[in-house]
């Protein structure tokens, strides 16, 4: 049984996280009316803590660019143990 209130659309989109200095690319894997699920490069800082805010730049297939102000609802670290920064 699906627990989500909003239907998810599976996508494969590349976006850029604005106002960062390194490893700014993110990959959006799905979208819904209430949020997005994205994959980011491993990060040692607290950029993705719940309650944080992000500004994403997303280019659609039509060529239109969207700037999205996002609130982090949840995150988890899925990086390999020996990542070198």
Protein backbone atom coordinates (compact mmCIF):
# COMPACT_ATOMS: atom_id res chain seq x y z
CA UNK A 1 0.00 0.00 0.00
CA UNK A 2 1.38 3.41 -1.02
CA UNK A 3 1.81 5.79 1.95
CA UNK A 4 2.48 8.88 -0.11
CA UNK A 5 -0.23 11.47 -0.53
CA UNK A 6 1.07 12.67 -3.91
CA UNK A 7 1.80 10.56 -6.98
CA UNK A 8 5.48 10.45 -7.96
CA UNK A 9 6.74 10.87 -11.53
CA UNK A 10 10.03 9.07 -12.24
CA UNK A 11 12.45 11.35 -14.12
CA UNK A 12 16.17 11.62 -14.82
CA UNK A 13 17.01 15.33 -14.66
CA UNK A 14 20.26 17.13 -13.96
CA UNK A 15 20.14 20.36 -11.96
CA UNK A 16 22.65 22.72 -10.39
CA UNK A 17 22.64 23.80 -6.78
CA UNK A 18 23.16 27.55 -6.74
CA UNK A 19 25.22 29.34 -4.07
CA UNK A 20 27.73 26.54 -3.63
CA UNK A 21 31.41 26.40 -4.56
CA UNK A 22 32.13 22.72 -5.32
CA UNK A 23 30.20 19.65 -6.51
CA UNK A 24 27.08 21.61 -7.32
CA UNK A 25 25.38 19.11 -9.64
CA UNK A 26 22.37 17.20 -8.38
CA UNK A 27 20.31 14.54 -10.10
CA UNK A 28 16.55 14.57 -9.68
CA UNK A 29 15.09 11.06 -9.73
CA UNK A 30 11.43 11.78 -9.10
CA UNK A 31 8.97 14.64 -8.73
CA UNK A 32 5.61 15.10 -7.10
CA UNK A 33 3.28 17.95 -6.22
CA UNK A 34 4.84 18.05 -2.76
CA UNK A 35 8.55 17.53 -3.42
CA UNK A 36 11.50 16.11 -5.30
CA UNK A 37 13.92 13.28 -4.63
CA UNK A 38 17.49 14.13 -5.62
CA UNK A 39 20.96 12.62 -5.45
CA UNK A 40 23.94 14.85 -4.58
CA UNK A 41 27.70 14.50 -4.38
CA UNK A 42 28.97 13.51 -0.92
CA UNK A 43 29.40 16.54 1.31
CA UNK A 44 31.19 16.99 4.64
CA UNK A 45 29.22 20.09 5.59
CA UNK A 46 25.64 20.42 6.75
CA UNK A 47 24.15 21.63 3.43
CA UNK A 48 21.46 18.98 3.39
CA UNK A 49 20.27 18.90 6.99
CA UNK A 50 16.50 18.86 7.51
CA UNK A 51 15.27 22.42 7.91
CA UNK A 52 17.93 23.76 5.54
CA UNK A 53 17.16 25.68 2.36
CA UNK A 54 18.53 25.14 -1.14
CA UNK A 55 18.23 27.03 -4.39
CA UNK A 56 18.22 24.75 -7.46
CA UNK A 57 18.46 25.67 -11.13
CA UNK A 58 16.67 23.13 -13.31
CA UNK A 59 16.63 23.14 -17.10
CA UNK A 60 13.61 21.44 -18.64
CA UNK A 61 13.67 19.50 -21.92
CA UNK A 62 11.91 22.49 -23.53
CA UNK A 63 14.94 24.66 -22.71
CA UNK A 64 13.03 26.62 -20.07
CA UNK A 65 14.98 27.18 -16.85
CA UNK A 66 13.37 27.08 -13.40
CA UNK A 67 14.90 28.40 -10.19
CA UNK A 68 13.46 26.43 -7.30
CA UNK A 69 13.66 27.41 -3.64
CA UNK A 70 13.65 24.14 -1.72
CA UNK A 71 13.32 23.21 1.93
CA UNK A 72 15.15 20.05 3.03
CA UNK A 73 12.63 17.69 4.64
CA UNK A 74 14.93 14.69 5.10
CA UNK A 75 18.32 13.38 3.96
CA UNK A 76 20.60 10.43 4.47
CA UNK A 77 24.28 9.68 3.83
CA UNK A 78 24.68 6.90 1.31
CA UNK A 79 28.33 7.60 0.40
CA UNK A 80 31.12 5.00 0.42
CA UNK A 81 33.15 4.73 3.63
CA UNK A 82 36.44 5.96 2.14
CA UNK A 83 35.48 9.05 0.17
CA UNK A 84 38.40 11.49 -0.15
CA UNK A 85 37.52 15.20 -0.25
